Protein backbone atom coordinates (compact mmCIF):
# COMPACT_ATOMS: atom_id res chain seq x y z
CA MET A 1 -10.33 -23.32 -14.30
CA ALA A 2 -6.86 -23.10 -16.60
CA ILE A 3 -6.25 -20.14 -18.76
CA PRO A 4 -5.85 -21.24 -22.53
CA VAL A 5 -3.45 -22.28 -24.43
CA LYS A 6 -3.87 -19.67 -26.84
CA PRO A 7 -3.76 -16.22 -25.33
CA THR A 8 -6.88 -14.83 -26.72
CA PRO A 9 -5.99 -11.29 -28.01
CA GLU A 10 -6.59 -9.41 -25.42
CA GLU A 11 -4.31 -11.44 -23.22
CA ASP A 12 -1.74 -11.28 -25.92
CA TRP A 13 -2.26 -7.44 -25.84
CA LEU A 14 -1.49 -7.26 -22.08
CA ALA A 15 1.68 -9.03 -22.28
CA GLY A 16 3.10 -7.76 -25.30
CA LEU A 17 2.45 -4.28 -22.71
CA TYR A 18 4.08 -6.06 -20.24
CA ILE A 19 6.85 -6.95 -22.33
CA ALA A 20 7.64 -4.05 -23.90
CA TYR A 21 7.68 -2.27 -20.34
CA VAL A 22 10.61 -4.94 -19.37
CA ARG A 23 12.50 -3.92 -22.41
CA GLU A 24 12.32 -0.21 -21.58
CA GLN A 25 13.52 -1.16 -17.46
CA VAL A 26 16.00 -4.01 -18.91
CA ARG A 27 18.55 -2.30 -20.99
CA ASP A 28 21.32 -5.19 -21.21
CA ALA A 29 22.08 -6.68 -25.16
CA ARG A 30 22.85 -10.53 -23.28
CA VAL A 31 19.23 -9.90 -21.87
CA SER A 32 15.82 -11.24 -23.83
CA PHE A 33 11.81 -11.34 -23.32
CA GLN A 34 9.72 -13.58 -25.48
CA VAL A 35 5.80 -14.90 -23.64
CA ALA A 36 5.72 -17.94 -25.29
CA ASP A 37 3.83 -21.17 -24.29
CA VAL A 38 5.31 -22.39 -21.60
CA GLN A 39 4.21 -26.60 -22.49
CA ALA A 40 6.37 -25.78 -25.81
CA LEU A 41 8.39 -23.00 -25.70
CA PRO A 42 9.74 -22.27 -29.24
CA PHE A 43 13.90 -23.05 -28.72
CA GLU A 44 16.16 -25.38 -29.69
CA ASP A 45 17.90 -27.31 -26.39
CA GLY A 46 20.05 -26.02 -24.68
CA THR A 47 19.47 -22.49 -26.02
CA VAL A 48 18.59 -19.86 -23.17
CA ASP A 49 20.23 -19.31 -19.77
CA ALA A 50 17.18 -18.65 -17.09
CA ALA A 51 13.81 -19.76 -17.54
CA VAL A 52 11.10 -17.30 -15.56
CA SER A 53 7.80 -18.70 -14.50
CA GLY A 54 6.25 -15.85 -12.89
CA LEU A 55 2.91 -16.28 -11.60
CA VAL A 56 1.38 -18.57 -14.52
CA LEU A 57 2.08 -21.87 -13.87
CA ASN A 58 -0.73 -22.77 -11.03
CA PHE A 59 -2.98 -21.62 -14.24
CA VAL A 60 -0.88 -24.09 -17.09
CA PRO A 61 -3.14 -27.51 -17.74
CA ASP A 62 0.02 -29.90 -17.69
CA LYS A 63 2.97 -28.16 -15.00
CA GLU A 64 4.86 -31.36 -15.06
CA ARG A 65 5.10 -30.62 -19.46
CA ALA A 66 5.78 -27.22 -18.71
CA LEU A 67 8.64 -27.35 -16.56
CA SER A 68 10.08 -30.29 -18.41
CA GLU A 69 9.62 -27.91 -21.62
CA MET A 70 11.91 -24.99 -19.45
CA ALA A 71 14.61 -28.22 -18.84
CA ARG A 72 15.12 -28.78 -21.69
CA VAL A 73 15.55 -24.95 -22.97
CA VAL A 74 17.57 -24.38 -20.37
CA ARG A 75 21.09 -25.36 -20.78
CA PRO A 76 22.94 -27.61 -18.02
CA ASP A 77 23.61 -24.78 -15.55
CA GLY A 78 21.19 -22.32 -16.44
CA LEU A 79 18.37 -21.35 -14.52
CA ILE A 80 14.98 -21.88 -14.07
CA ALA A 81 12.46 -20.17 -11.69
CA ALA A 82 9.36 -20.18 -11.35
CA TYR A 83 6.99 -18.21 -8.77
CA VAL A 84 2.41 -18.53 -8.13
CA TRP A 85 0.41 -16.69 -5.85
CA ASP A 86 0.27 -17.78 -2.74
CA TYR A 87 -3.72 -18.74 -2.48
CA ALA A 88 -3.28 -21.05 0.11
CA GLY A 89 -1.74 -19.31 3.15
CA GLU A 90 -0.22 -15.37 3.14
CA MET A 91 -2.42 -13.99 0.00
CA GLN A 92 -4.74 -12.54 2.50
CA LEU A 93 -7.12 -11.23 0.80
CA MET A 94 -7.57 -13.80 -1.81
CA ARG A 95 -7.98 -16.41 1.87
CA ILE A 96 -10.28 -14.10 3.17
CA PHE A 97 -12.65 -13.79 -0.06
CA TRP A 98 -12.59 -18.22 -0.93
CA ASP A 99 -13.41 -18.63 2.52
CA ALA A 100 -16.10 -16.32 3.10
CA ALA A 101 -17.67 -17.51 -0.72
CA VAL A 102 -17.42 -21.34 1.00
CA ALA A 103 -19.03 -20.66 3.33
CA LEU A 104 -22.37 -18.51 1.14
CA ASP A 105 -22.13 -20.93 -1.39
CA PRO A 106 -20.39 -24.74 -0.69
CA ALA A 107 -19.93 -24.85 -4.21
CA ALA A 108 -17.60 -22.55 -4.42
CA TYR A 109 -14.97 -24.64 -3.39
CA GLU A 110 -14.27 -25.71 -6.21
CA LEU A 111 -13.46 -22.92 -7.92
CA ASP A 112 -11.04 -22.40 -4.67
CA GLU A 113 -7.48 -22.15 -6.42
CA GLY A 114 -5.98 -21.92 -2.83
CA ARG A 115 -6.83 -25.45 -2.36
CA ARG A 116 -5.42 -27.05 -5.60
CA VAL A 117 -2.07 -26.48 -3.29
CA ASN A 118 -3.09 -26.89 0.31
CA ASP A 119 -6.87 -29.26 0.62
CA SER A 120 -6.82 -29.06 4.30
CA ARG A 121 -9.65 -26.29 4.75
CA ARG A 122 -12.10 -28.66 3.63
CA PRO A 123 -12.85 -30.39 7.00
CA GLY A 124 -11.18 -33.67 7.65
CA ILE A 125 -9.17 -33.58 5.42
CA ALA A 126 -5.27 -33.52 6.37
CA PRO A 127 -1.75 -30.67 4.80
CA LYS A 128 -0.24 -32.15 1.67
CA ALA A 129 2.86 -32.34 3.36
CA GLY A 130 5.72 -29.27 1.58
CA ALA A 131 2.26 -27.53 0.59
CA ALA A 132 4.03 -23.84 2.14
CA ARG A 133 7.49 -24.14 1.90
CA ARG A 134 9.78 -23.53 -1.12
CA VAL A 135 11.84 -27.08 -2.95
CA ARG A 136 14.28 -26.70 -4.64
CA ALA A 137 14.65 -29.75 -6.26
CA PRO A 138 15.08 -31.46 -10.04
CA LEU A 139 13.07 -31.49 -12.49
CA PRO A 140 12.61 -34.38 -15.21
CA GLY A 141 14.74 -35.36 -17.40
CA GLN A 142 17.68 -32.91 -15.33
CA ARG A 143 20.36 -33.23 -13.06
CA PRO A 144 20.76 -32.94 -9.33
CA ASN A 145 22.27 -29.36 -8.74
CA SER A 146 21.86 -28.60 -12.74
CA LEU A 147 19.25 -26.44 -11.35
CA GLY A 148 22.20 -23.54 -10.98
CA ARG A 149 24.24 -22.44 -8.79
CA ARG A 150 23.44 -23.19 -4.89
């Protein structure tokens, strides 16, 4: 199940608390924080130095569109970063939970976030190539080597 594109009032409230906290911690005029729909960012092309999606990309319905939007708004020599929970690997508490849930009720398999990353937990399915490695590749519409400094 994906988080809806339009957040609920509770999600807006929590995001507001988080952003308020971050703004208090990072007091640099060159830095700003804003919550926005990653599938339709409210910025002009090439106007931001960096776009970061933290712990959310795996919940976005159209990941390619989200990454394309991030690439669109970041300047050519800017940085795009995303990180997600490692449900299929080293996030051991979640892995133990989902393995137990599926053992008790095989239908729970369809709800397991880890299966989207690595389907090797289902008998007879081989791991997806590269499922557990870091990837640095051009995004849709980006030139190679334009994702930031190496």
